[in-house]
Amino acid sequence: MIKQNSNFFEKVYILVKRIPEGKVMTYGQIADILGTKDARKVGWSLHGNQDPKVPCHRVVNKEGKVALNYSMGDWREQKRKLLEEGVAFIDEMYVDLKKYLWQMR
């Protein structure tokens, strides 16, 4: 079980590294690409990540909301990183998905 999860986590990290600066993807998008309906498993894998080379801050929920418990700090840190990349927010915690959602091809 741990080995299987580790393999899934690695796939998540590889995919997240492909998200361009200034764009975001949702947990659900990533789950779909990896052949699962379990967006929470994607969130779980990112929550445990401590590798700064994996841009976890570029993943938000299906409504564009940043994570309350971001892996490298709290939601304010995730927001700060996204703002530095030019991602605009429509309110305190929500990214404008119409403008910044990346559709992997």
PDB file of N, CA and C in Angstrom:
ATOM      1  N   MET A   1       0.823  -1.205   0.000  1.00  0.00           N
ATOM      2  CA  MET A   1       0.000   0.000   0.000  1.00  0.00           C
ATOM      3  C   MET A   1       0.862   1.263   0.000  1.00  0.00           C
ATOM      4  N   ILE A   2       1.863   1.340   0.838  1.00  0.00           N
ATOM      5  CA  ILE A   2       2.728   2.517   0.883  1.00  0.00           C
ATOM      6  C   ILE A   2       3.445   2.694  -0.444  1.00  0.00           C
ATOM      7  N   LYS A   3       3.930   1.578  -1.003  1.00  0.00           N
ATOM      8  CA  LYS A   3       4.630   1.649  -2.282  1.00  0.00           C
ATOM      9  C   LYS A   3       3.698   2.186  -3.371  1.00  0.00           C
ATOM     10  N   GLN A   4       2.465   1.705  -3.389  1.00  0.00           N
ATOM     11  CA  GLN A   4       1.490   2.163  -4.374  1.00  0.00           C
ATOM     12  C   GLN A   4       1.224   3.660  -4.202  1.00  0.00           C
ATOM     13  N   ASN A   5       1.032   4.116  -2.972  1.00  0.00           N
ATOM     14  CA  ASN A   5       0.812   5.537  -2.723  1.00  0.00           C
ATOM     15  C   ASN A   5       2.028   6.354  -3.115  1.00  0.00           C
ATOM     16  N   SER A   6       3.225   5.856  -2.804  1.00  0.00           N
ATOM     17  CA  SER A   6       4.449   6.568  -3.159  1.00  0.00           C
ATOM     18  C   SER A   6       4.534   6.757  -4.662  1.00  0.00           C
ATOM     19  N   ASN A   7       4.183   5.726  -5.424  1.00  0.00           N
ATOM     20  CA  ASN A   7       4.184   5.802  -6.880  1.00  0.00           C
ATOM     21  C   ASN A   7       3.166   6.845  -7.356  1.00  0.00           C
ATOM     22  N   PHE A   8       1.973   6.837  -6.772  1.00  0.00           N
ATOM     23  CA  PHE A   8       0.956   7.823  -7.125  1.00  0.00           C
ATOM     24  C   PHE A   8       1.443   9.230  -6.796  1.00  0.00           C
ATOM     25  N   PHE A   9       2.013   9.401  -5.610  1.00  0.00           N
ATOM     26  CA  PHE A   9       2.517  10.710  -5.203  1.00  0.00           C
ATOM     27  C   PHE A   9       3.555  11.212  -6.196  1.00  0.00           C
ATOM     28  N   GLU A  10       4.456  10.344  -6.608  1.00  0.00           N
ATOM     29  CA  GLU A  10       5.500  10.732  -7.564  1.00  0.00           C
ATOM     30  C   GLU A  10       4.880  11.188  -8.881  1.00  0.00           C
ATOM     31  N   LYS A  11       3.836  10.500  -9.325  1.00  0.00           N
ATOM     32  CA  LYS A  11       3.138  10.903 -10.555  1.00  0.00           C
ATOM     33  C   LYS A  11       2.514  12.290 -10.388  1.00  0.00           C
ATOM     34  N   VAL A  12       1.942  12.541  -9.219  1.00  0.00           N
ATOM     35  CA  VAL A  12       1.369  13.864  -8.937  1.00  0.00           C
ATOM     36  C   VAL A  12       2.459  14.925  -9.016  1.00  0.00           C
ATOM     37  N   TYR A  13       3.590  14.676  -8.377  1.00  0.00           N
ATOM     38  CA  TYR A  13       4.680  15.660  -8.353  1.00  0.00           C
ATOM     39  C   TYR A  13       5.205  15.945  -9.760  1.00  0.00           C
ATOM     40  N   ILE A  14       5.359  14.904 -10.566  1.00  0.00           N
ATOM     41  CA  ILE A  14       5.835  15.078 -11.944  1.00  0.00           C
ATOM     42  C   ILE A  14       4.861  15.949 -12.730  1.00  0.00           C
ATOM     43  N   LEU A  15       3.569  15.683 -12.575  1.00  0.00           N
ATOM     44  CA  LEU A  15       2.559  16.457 -13.293  1.00  0.00           C
ATOM     45  C   LEU A  15       2.533  17.912 -12.814  1.00  0.00           C
ATOM     46  N   VAL A  16       2.590  18.122 -11.514  1.00  0.00           N
ATOM     47  CA  VAL A  16       2.537  19.482 -10.961  1.00  0.00           C
ATOM     48  C   VAL A  16       3.737  20.305 -11.424  1.00  0.00           C
ATOM     49  N   LYS A  17       4.874  19.670 -11.599  1.00  0.00           N
ATOM     50  CA  LYS A  17       6.062  20.387 -12.091  1.00  0.00           C
ATOM     51  C   LYS A  17       5.858  20.923 -13.504  1.00  0.00           C
ATOM     52  N   ARG A  18       4.880  20.410 -14.234  1.00  0.00           N
ATOM     53  CA  ARG A  18       4.609  20.867 -15.604  1.00  0.00           C
ATOM     54  C   ARG A  18       3.694  22.091 -15.660  1.00  0.00           C
ATOM     55  N   ILE A  19       3.059  22.437 -14.561  1.00  0.00           N
ATOM     56  CA  ILE A  19       2.164  23.602 -14.558  1.00  0.00           C
ATOM     57  C   ILE A  19       3.015  24.854 -14.736  1.00  0.00           C
ATOM     58  N   PRO A  20       2.726  25.650 -15.770  1.00  0.00           N
ATOM     59  CA  PRO A  20       3.541  26.847 -16.010  1.00  0.00           C
ATOM     60  C   PRO A  20       3.368  27.907 -14.918  1.00  0.00           C
ATOM     61  N   GLU A  21       4.395  28.693 -14.739  1.00  0.00           N
ATOM     62  CA  GLU A  21       4.326  29.833 -13.830  1.00  0.00           C
ATOM     63  C   GLU A  21       3.183  30.733 -14.276  1.00  0.00           C
ATOM     64  N   GLY A  22       2.401  31.203 -13.320  1.00  0.00           N
ATOM     65  CA  GLY A  22       1.285  32.085 -13.633  1.00  0.00           C
ATOM     66  C   GLY A  22       0.004  31.355 -13.990  1.00  0.00           C
ATOM     67  N   LYS A  23      -0.007  30.032 -13.840  1.00  0.00           N
ATOM     68  CA  LYS A  23      -1.194  29.217 -14.112  1.00  0.00           C
ATOM     69  C   LYS A  23      -1.455  28.310 -12.922  1.00  0.00           C
ATOM     70  N   VAL A  24      -2.677  27.790 -12.836  1.00  0.00           N
ATOM     71  CA  VAL A  24      -3.038  26.841 -11.784  1.00  0.00           C
ATOM     72  C   VAL A  24      -3.798  25.669 -12.394  1.00  0.00           C
ATOM     73  N   MET A  25      -3.831  24.579 -11.660  1.00  0.00           N
ATOM     74  CA  MET A  25      -4.689  23.437 -11.972  1.00  0.00           C
ATOM     75  C   MET A  25      -5.450  23.095 -10.700  1.00  0.00           C
ATOM     76  N   THR A  26      -6.514  22.316 -10.851  1.00  0.00           N
ATOM     77  CA  THR A  26      -7.279  21.878  -9.686  1.00  0.00           C
ATOM     78  C   THR A  26      -6.885  20.455  -9.310  1.00  0.00           C
ATOM     79  N   TYR A  27      -7.177  20.106  -8.066  1.00  0.00           N
ATOM     80  CA  TYR A  27      -6.935  18.740  -7.600  1.00  0.00           C
ATOM     81  C   TYR A  27      -7.680  17.746  -8.494  1.00  0.00           C
ATOM     82  N   GLY A  28      -8.909  18.096  -8.863  1.00  0.00           N
ATOM     83  CA  GLY A  28      -9.723  17.220  -9.703  1.00  0.00           C
ATOM     84  C   GLY A  28      -9.144  17.020 -11.090  1.00  0.00           C
ATOM     85  N   GLN A  29      -8.629  18.075 -11.694  1.00  0.00           N
ATOM     86  CA  GLN A  29      -7.980  17.943 -13.004  1.00  0.00           C
ATOM     87  C   GLN A  29      -6.835  16.946 -12.933  1.00  0.00           C
ATOM     88  N   ILE A  30      -6.012  17.094 -11.916  1.00  0.00           N
ATOM     89  CA  ILE A  30      -4.847  16.224 -11.762  1.00  0.00           C
ATOM     90  C   ILE A  30      -5.299  14.787 -11.545  1.00  0.00           C
ATOM     91  N   ALA A  31      -6.313  14.594 -10.711  1.00  0.00           N
ATOM     92  CA  ALA A  31      -6.845  13.249 -10.474  1.00  0.00           C
ATOM     93  C   ALA A  31      -7.331  12.630 -11.781  1.00  0.00           C
ATOM     94  N   ASP A  32      -8.085  13.389 -12.574  1.00  0.00           N
ATOM     95  CA  ASP A  32      -8.589  12.880 -13.853  1.00  0.00           C
ATOM     96  C   ASP A  32      -7.457  12.471 -14.784  1.00  0.00           C
ATOM     97  N   ILE A  33      -6.450  13.294 -14.898  1.00  0.00           N
ATOM     98  CA  ILE A  33      -5.312  12.992 -15.766  1.00  0.00           C
ATOM     99  C   ILE A  33      -4.619  11.710 -15.318  1.00  0.00           C
ATOM    100  N   LEU A  34      -4.565  11.492 -14.004  1.00  0.00           N
ATOM    101  CA  LEU A  34      -3.897  10.306 -13.462  1.00  0.00           C
ATOM    102  C   LEU A  34      -4.823   9.096 -13.371  1.00  0.00           C
ATOM    103  N   GLY A  35      -6.044   9.242 -13.885  1.00  0.00           N
ATOM    104  CA  GLY A  35      -6.948   8.101 -13.979  1.00  0.00           C
ATOM    105  C   GLY A  35      -7.680   7.734 -12.702  1.00  0.00           C
ATOM    106  N   THR A  36      -7.904   8.713 -11.844  1.00  0.00           N
ATOM    107  CA  THR A  36      -8.663   8.466 -10.615  1.00  0.00           C
ATOM    108  C   THR A  36      -9.701   9.572 -10.459  1.00  0.00           C
ATOM    109  N   LYS A  37     -10.713   9.301  -9.692  1.00  0.00           N
ATOM    110  CA  LYS A  37     -11.715  10.326  -9.368  1.00  0.00           C
ATOM    111  C   LYS A  37     -11.446  10.928  -7.989  1.00  0.00           C
ATOM    112  N   ASP A  38     -10.360  10.492  -7.362  1.00  0.00           N
ATOM    113  CA  ASP A  38     -10.068  10.857  -5.978  1.00  0.00           C
ATOM    114  C   ASP A  38      -9.194  12.106  -5.875  1.00  0.00           C
ATOM    115  N   ALA A  39      -9.824  13.272  -5.988  1.00  0.00           N
ATOM    116  CA  ALA A  39      -9.097  14.539  -5.878  1.00  0.00           C
ATOM    117  C   ALA A  39      -8.475  14.699  -4.493  1.00  0.00           C
ATOM    118  N   ARG A  40      -9.091  14.101  -3.485  1.00  0.00           N
ATOM    119  CA  ARG A  40      -8.541  14.200  -2.121  1.00  0.00           C
ATOM    120  C   ARG A  40      -7.191  13.504  -2.011  1.00  0.00           C
ATOM    121  N   LYS A  41      -7.015  12.429  -2.762  1.00  0.00           N
ATOM    122  CA  LYS A  41      -5.723  11.728  -2.747  1.00  0.00           C
ATOM    123  C   LYS A  41      -4.637  12.629  -3.333  1.00  0.00           C
ATOM    124  N   VAL A  42      -4.995  13.407  -4.341  1.00  0.00           N
ATOM    125  CA  VAL A  42      -4.051  14.377  -4.906  1.00  0.00           C
ATOM    126  C   VAL A  42      -3.701  15.413  -3.839  1.00  0.00           C
ATOM    127  N   GLY A  43      -4.709  15.928  -3.152  1.00  0.00           N
ATOM    128  CA  GLY A  43      -4.467  16.893  -2.083  1.00  0.00           C
ATOM    129  C   GLY A  43      -3.607  16.325  -0.973  1.00  0.00           C
ATOM    130  N   TRP A  44      -3.859  15.084  -0.630  1.00  0.00           N
ATOM    131  CA  TRP A  44      -3.084  14.417   0.413  1.00  0.00           C
ATOM    132  C   TRP A  44      -1.622  14.309   0.008  1.00  0.00           C
ATOM    133  N   SER A  45      -1.385  13.952  -1.251  1.00  0.00           N
ATOM    134  CA  SER A  45       0.001  13.824  -1.723  1.00  0.00           C
ATOM    135  C   SER A  45       0.713  15.176  -1.704  1.00  0.00           C
ATOM    136  N   LEU A  46       0.022  16.234  -2.088  1.00  0.00           N
ATOM    137  CA  LEU A  46       0.640  17.561  -2.103  1.00  0.00           C
ATOM    138  C   LEU A  46       0.837  18.100  -0.686  1.00  0.00           C
ATOM    139  N   HIS A  47      -0.072  17.781   0.199  1.00  0.00           N
ATOM    140  CA  HIS A  47       0.055  18.257   1.579  1.00  0.00           C
ATOM    141  C   HIS A  47       1.314  17.703   2.242  1.00  0.00           C
ATOM    142  N   GLY A  48       1.708  16.504   1.861  1.00  0.00           N
ATOM    143  CA  GLY A  48       2.896  15.895   2.449  1.00  0.00           C
ATOM    144  C   GLY A  48       4.197  16.268   1.770  1.00  0.00           C
ATOM    145  N   ASN A  49       4.127  16.985   0.672  1.00  0.00           N
ATOM    146  CA  ASN A  49       5.334  17.333  -0.077  1.00  0.00           C
ATOM    147  C   ASN A  49       6.145  18.407   0.644  1.00  0.00           C
ATOM    148  N   GLN A  50       7.450  18.208   0.697  1.00  0.00           N
ATOM    149  CA  GLN A  50       8.340  19.217   1.275  1.00  0.00           C
ATOM    150  C   GLN A  50       9.433  19.637   0.291  1.00  0.00           C
ATOM    151  N   ASP A  51       9.319  19.204  -0.966  1.00  0.00           N
ATOM    152  CA  ASP A  51      10.308  19.535  -1.989  1.00  0.00           C
ATOM    153  C   ASP A  51       9.931  20.867  -2.638  1.00  0.00           C
ATOM    154  N   PRO A  52      10.716  21.919  -2.434  1.00  0.00           N
ATOM    155  CA  PRO A  52      10.377  23.223  -3.009  1.00  0.00           C
ATOM    156  C   PRO A  52      10.411  23.248  -4.538  1.00  0.00           C
ATOM    157  N   LYS A  53      10.957  22.210  -5.166  1.00  0.00           N
ATOM    158  CA  LYS A  53      10.972  22.138  -6.633  1.00  0.00           C
ATOM    159  C   LYS A  53       9.612  21.726  -7.195  1.00  0.00           C
ATOM    160  N   VAL A  54       8.726  21.237  -6.342  1.00  0.00           N
ATOM    161  CA  VAL A  54       7.361  20.887  -6.754  1.00  0.00           C
ATOM    162  C   VAL A  54       6.476  22.088  -6.423  1.00  0.00           C
ATOM    163  N   PRO A  55       5.980  22.800  -7.437  1.00  0.00           N
ATOM    164  CA  PRO A  55       5.220  24.030  -7.186  1.00  0.00           C
ATOM    165  C   PRO A  55       3.776  23.760  -6.741  1.00  0.00           C
ATOM    166  N   CYS A  56       3.647  23.210  -5.550  1.00  0.00           N
ATOM    167  CA  CYS A  56       2.331  22.863  -5.001  1.00  0.00           C
ATOM    168  C   CYS A  56       1.394  24.061  -4.927  1.00  0.00           C
ATOM    169  N   HIS A  57       1.969  25.245  -4.843  1.00  0.00           N
ATOM    170  CA  HIS A  57       1.138  26.451  -4.743  1.00  0.00           C
ATOM    171  C   HIS A  57       0.289  26.668  -5.985  1.00  0.00           C
ATOM    172  N   ARG A  58       0.592  25.984  -7.074  1.00  0.00           N
ATOM    173  CA  ARG A  58      -0.162  26.138  -8.322  1.00  0.00           C
ATOM    174  C   ARG A  58      -1.376  25.219  -8.407  1.00  0.00           C
ATOM    175  N   VAL A  59      -1.714  24.554  -7.322  1.00  0.00           N
ATOM    176  CA  VAL A  59      -2.875  23.660  -7.302  1.00  0.00           C
ATOM    177  C   VAL A  59      -3.899  24.209  -6.311  1.00  0.00           C
ATOM    178  N   VAL A  60      -5.131  24.356  -6.794  1.00  0.00           N
ATOM    179  CA  VAL A  60      -6.227  24.914  -5.996  1.00  0.00           C
ATOM    180  C   VAL A  60      -7.436  23.983  -6.089  1.00  0.00           C
ATOM    181  N   ASN A  61      -8.467  24.268  -5.318  1.00  0.00           N
ATOM    182  CA  ASN A  61      -9.648  23.411  -5.412  1.00  0.00           C
ATOM    183  C   ASN A  61     -10.495  23.789  -6.628  1.00  0.00           C
ATOM    184  N   LYS A  62     -11.574  23.046  -6.850  1.00  0.00           N
ATOM    185  CA  LYS A  62     -12.384  23.216  -8.064  1.00  0.00           C
ATOM    186  C   LYS A  62     -13.036  24.586  -8.178  1.00  0.00           C
ATOM    187  N   GLU A  63     -13.088  25.319  -7.088  1.00  0.00           N
ATOM    188  CA  GLU A  63     -13.658  26.668  -7.092  1.00  0.00           C
ATOM    189  C   GLU A  63     -12.583  27.746  -7.183  1.00  0.00           C
ATOM    190  N   GLY A  64     -11.315  27.314  -7.208  1.00  0.00           N
ATOM    191  CA  GLY A  64     -10.211  28.267  -7.273  1.00  0.00           C
ATOM    192  C   GLY A  64      -9.672  28.681  -5.919  1.00  0.00           C
ATOM    193  N   LYS A  65     -10.144  28.041  -4.866  1.00  0.00           N
ATOM    194  CA  LYS A  65      -9.727  28.408  -3.507  1.00  0.00           C
ATOM    195  C   LYS A  65      -8.372  27.799  -3.167  1.00  0.00           C
ATOM    196  N   VAL A  66      -7.515  28.613  -2.554  1.00  0.00           N
ATOM    197  CA  VAL A  66      -6.220  28.120  -2.080  1.00  0.00           C
ATOM    198  C   VAL A  66      -6.436  27.236  -0.851  1.00  0.00           C
ATOM    199  N   ALA A  67      -5.431  26.417  -0.540  1.00  0.00           N
ATOM    200  CA  ALA A  67      -5.533  25.463   0.570  1.00  0.00           C
ATOM    201  C   ALA A  67      -5.349  26.159   1.915  1.00  0.00           C
ATOM    202  N   LEU A  68      -6.201  25.841   2.853  1.00  0.00           N
ATOM    203  CA  LEU A  68      -6.040  26.394   4.205  1.00  0.00           C
ATOM    204  C   LEU A  68      -4.743  25.913   4.831  1.00  0.00           C
ATOM    205  N   ASN A  69      -4.386  24.671   4.574  1.00  0.00           N
ATOM    206  CA  ASN A  69      -3.173  24.068   5.133  1.00  0.00           C
ATOM    207  C   ASN A  69      -2.193  23.745   4.019  1.00  0.00           C
ATOM    208  N   TYR A  70      -1.653  24.743   3.402  1.00  0.00           N
ATOM    209  CA  TYR A  70      -0.671  24.599   2.329  1.00  0.00           C
ATOM    210  C   TYR A  70       0.586  23.937   2.875  1.00  0.00           C
ATOM    211  N   SER A  71       1.197  23.051   2.089  1.00  0.00           N
ATOM    212  CA  SER A  71       2.313  22.231   2.575  1.00  0.00           C
ATOM    213  C   SER A  71       3.539  23.030   3.005  1.00  0.00           C
ATOM    214  N   MET A  72       3.726  24.210   2.468  1.00  0.00           N
ATOM    215  CA  MET A  72       4.918  24.998   2.786  1.00  0.00           C
ATOM    216  C   MET A  72       4.556  26.246   3.600  1.00  0.00           C
ATOM    217  N   GLY A  73       3.447  26.173   4.313  1.00  0.00           N
ATOM    218  CA  GLY A  73       2.979  27.299   5.106  1.00  0.00           C
ATOM    219  C   GLY A  73       1.464  27.280   5.150  1.00  0.00           C
ATOM    220  N   ASP A  74       0.858  28.427   5.350  1.00  0.00           N
ATOM    221  CA  ASP A  74      -0.600  28.480   5.336  1.00  0.00           C
ATOM    222  C   ASP A  74      -1.085  29.073   4.012  1.00  0.00           C
ATOM    223  N   TRP A  75      -2.376  29.334   3.923  1.00  0.00           N
ATOM    224  CA  TRP A  75      -2.963  29.818   2.675  1.00  0.00           C
ATOM    225  C   TRP A  75      -2.365  31.151   2.240  1.00  0.00           C
ATOM    226  N   ARG A  76      -1.922  31.952   3.192  1.00  0.00           N
ATOM    227  CA  ARG A  76      -1.333  33.252   2.845  1.00  0.00           C
ATOM    228  C   ARG A  76      -0.032  33.073   2.067  1.00  0.00           C
ATOM    229  N   GLU A  77       0.737  32.046   2.424  1.00  0.00           N
ATOM    230  CA  GLU A  77       1.986  31.765   1.711  1.00  0.00           C
ATOM    231  C   GLU A  77       1.696  31.280   0.292  1.00  0.00           C
ATOM    232  N   GLN A  78       0.704  30.426   0.139  1.00  0.00           N
ATOM    233  CA  GLN A  78       0.317  29.968  -1.194  1.00  0.00           C
ATOM    234  C   GLN A  78      -0.142  31.163  -2.031  1.00  0.00           C
ATOM    235  N   LYS A  79      -0.952  32.015  -1.448  1.00  0.00           N
ATOM    236  CA  LYS A  79      -1.429  33.205  -2.153  1.00  0.00           C
ATOM    237  C   LYS A  79      -0.265  34.113  -2.537  1.00  0.00           C
ATOM    238  N   ARG A  80       0.667  34.321  -1.616  1.00  0.00           N
ATOM    239  CA  ARG A  80       1.823  35.178  -1.892  1.00  0.00           C
ATOM    240  C   ARG A  80       2.604  34.658  -3.099  1.00  0.00           C
ATOM    241  N   LYS A  81       2.836  33.350  -3.144  1.00  0.00           N
ATOM    242  CA  LYS A  81       3.589  32.763  -4.259  1.00  0.00           C
ATOM    243  C   LYS A  81       2.843  32.933  -5.577  1.00  0.00           C
ATOM    244  N   LEU A  82       1.540  32.738  -5.555  1.00  0.00           N
ATOM    245  CA  LEU A  82       0.756  32.910  -6.780  1.00  0.00           C
ATOM    246  C   LEU A  82       0.753  34.375  -7.230  1.00  0.00           C
ATOM    247  N   LEU A  83       0.600  35.294  -6.303  1.00  0.00           N
ATOM    248  CA  LEU A  83       0.640  36.716  -6.651  1.00  0.00           C
ATOM    249  C   LEU A  83       1.988  37.094  -7.263  1.00  0.00           C
ATOM    250  N   GLU A  84       3.073  36.548  -6.725  1.00  0.00           N
ATOM    251  CA  GLU A  84       4.411  36.804  -7.281  1.00  0.00           C
ATOM    252  C   GLU A  84       4.514  36.345  -8.732  1.00  0.00           C
ATOM    253  N   GLU A  85       3.740  35.325  -9.089  1.00  0.00           N
ATOM    254  CA  GLU A  85       3.749  34.806 -10.459  1.00  0.00           C
ATOM    255  C   GLU A  85       2.742  35.525 -11.353  1.00  0.00           C
ATOM    256  N   GLY A  86       2.036  36.505 -10.806  1.00  0.00           N
ATOM    257  CA  GLY A  86       1.098  37.282 -11.600  1.00  0.00           C
ATOM    258  C   GLY A  86      -0.324  36.762 -11.612  1.00  0.00           C
ATOM    259  N   VAL A  87      -0.631  35.799 -10.757  1.00  0.00           N
ATOM    260  CA  VAL A  87      -1.984  35.249 -10.682  1.00  0.00           C
ATOM    261  C   VAL A  87      -2.845  36.196  -9.844  1.00  0.00           C
ATOM    262  N   ALA A  88      -3.966  36.617 -10.409  1.00  0.00           N
ATOM    263  CA  ALA A  88      -4.877  37.527  -9.710  1.00  0.00           C
ATOM    264  C   ALA A  88      -5.938  36.745  -8.939  1.00  0.00           C
ATOM    265  N   PHE A  89      -6.400  37.343  -7.871  1.00  0.00           N
ATOM    266  CA  PHE A  89      -7.440  36.749  -7.036  1.00  0.00           C
ATOM    267  C   PHE A  89      -8.717  37.558  -7.192  1.00  0.00           C
ATOM    268  N   ILE A  90      -9.853  36.856  -7.167  1.00  0.00           N
ATOM    269  CA  ILE A  90     -11.136  37.553  -7.269  1.00  0.00           C
ATOM    270  C   ILE A  90     -11.656  37.963  -5.894  1.00  0.00           C
ATOM    271  N   ASP A  91     -11.107  37.355  -4.856  1.00  0.00           N
ATOM    272  CA  ASP A  91     -11.308  37.817  -3.484  1.00  0.00           C
ATOM    273  C   ASP A  91     -10.171  37.267  -2.632  1.00  0.00           C
ATOM    274  N   GLU A  92     -10.307  37.300  -1.350  1.00  0.00           N
ATOM    275  CA  GLU A  92      -9.200  36.974  -0.441  1.00  0.00           C
ATOM    276  C   GLU A  92      -8.527  35.629  -0.718  1.00  0.00           C
ATOM    277  N   MET A  93      -9.313  34.600  -1.034  1.00  0.00           N
ATOM    278  CA  MET A  93      -8.746  33.255  -1.140  1.00  0.00           C
ATOM    279  C   MET A  93      -9.011  32.554  -2.469  1.00  0.00           C
ATOM    280  N   TYR A  94      -9.613  33.233  -3.431  1.00  0.00           N
ATOM    281  CA  TYR A  94     -10.022  32.572  -4.672  1.00  0.00           C
ATOM    282  C   TYR A  94      -9.310  33.143  -5.894  1.00  0.00           C
ATOM    283  N   VAL A  95      -8.696  32.236  -6.652  1.00  0.00           N
ATOM    284  CA  VAL A  95      -8.039  32.574  -7.915  1.00  0.00           C
ATOM    285  C   VAL A  95      -9.110  32.717  -8.995  1.00  0.00           C
ATOM    286  N   ASP A  96      -8.877  33.564  -9.961  1.00  0.00           N
ATOM    287  CA  ASP A  96      -9.760  33.710 -11.116  1.00  0.00           C
ATOM    288  C   ASP A  96      -9.491  32.548 -12.076  1.00  0.00           C
ATOM    289  N   LEU A  97     -10.263  31.460 -11.929  1.00  0.00           N
ATOM    290  CA  LEU A  97     -10.035  30.264 -12.750  1.00  0.00           C
ATOM    291  C   LEU A  97     -10.294  30.509 -14.233  1.00  0.00           C
ATOM    292  N   LYS A  98     -11.203  31.411 -14.555  1.00  0.00           N
ATOM    293  CA  LYS A  98     -11.477  31.686 -15.971  1.00  0.00           C
ATOM    294  C   LYS A  98     -10.226  32.193 -16.677  1.00  0.00           C
ATOM    295  N   LYS A  99      -9.389  32.878 -15.946  1.00  0.00           N
ATOM    296  CA  LYS A  99      -8.191  33.466 -16.540  1.00  0.00           C
ATOM    297  C   LYS A  99      -6.934  32.621 -16.335  1.00  0.00           C
ATOM    298  N   TYR A 100      -6.812  31.924 -15.207  1.00  0.00           N
ATOM    299  CA  TYR A 100      -5.536  31.291 -14.853  1.00  0.00           C
ATOM    300  C   TYR A 100      -5.531  29.763 -14.849  1.00  0.00           C
ATOM    301  N   LEU A 101      -6.684  29.139 -15.101  1.00  0.00           N
ATOM    302  CA  LEU A 101      -6.726  27.675 -15.119  1.00  0.00           C
ATOM    303  C   LEU A 101      -5.987  27.145 -16.337  1.00  0.00           C
ATOM    304  N   TRP A 102      -5.054  26.229 -16.104  1.00  0.00           N
ATOM    305  CA  TRP A 102      -4.262  25.649 -17.193  1.00  0.00           C
ATOM    306  C   TRP A 102      -4.866  24.321 -17.605  1.00  0.00           C
ATOM    307  N   GLN A 103      -5.106  24.187 -18.887  1.00  0.00           N
ATOM    308  CA  GLN A 103      -5.610  22.937 -19.457  1.00  0.00           C
ATOM    309  C   GLN A 103      -4.441  22.200 -20.089  1.00  0.00           C
ATOM    310  N   MET A 104      -3.969  21.172 -19.415  1.00  0.00           N
ATOM    311  CA  MET A 104      -2.848  20.394 -19.940  1.00  0.00           C
ATOM    312  C   MET A 104      -3.292  19.690 -21.216  1.00  0.00           C
ATOM    313  N   ARG A 105      -2.457  19.768 -22.223  1.00  0.00           N
ATOM    314  CA  ARG A 105      -2.784  19.123 -23.511  1.00  0.00           C
ATOM    315  C   ARG A 105      -1.968  17.878 -23.707  1.00  0.00           C
TER     316      ARG A 105
END
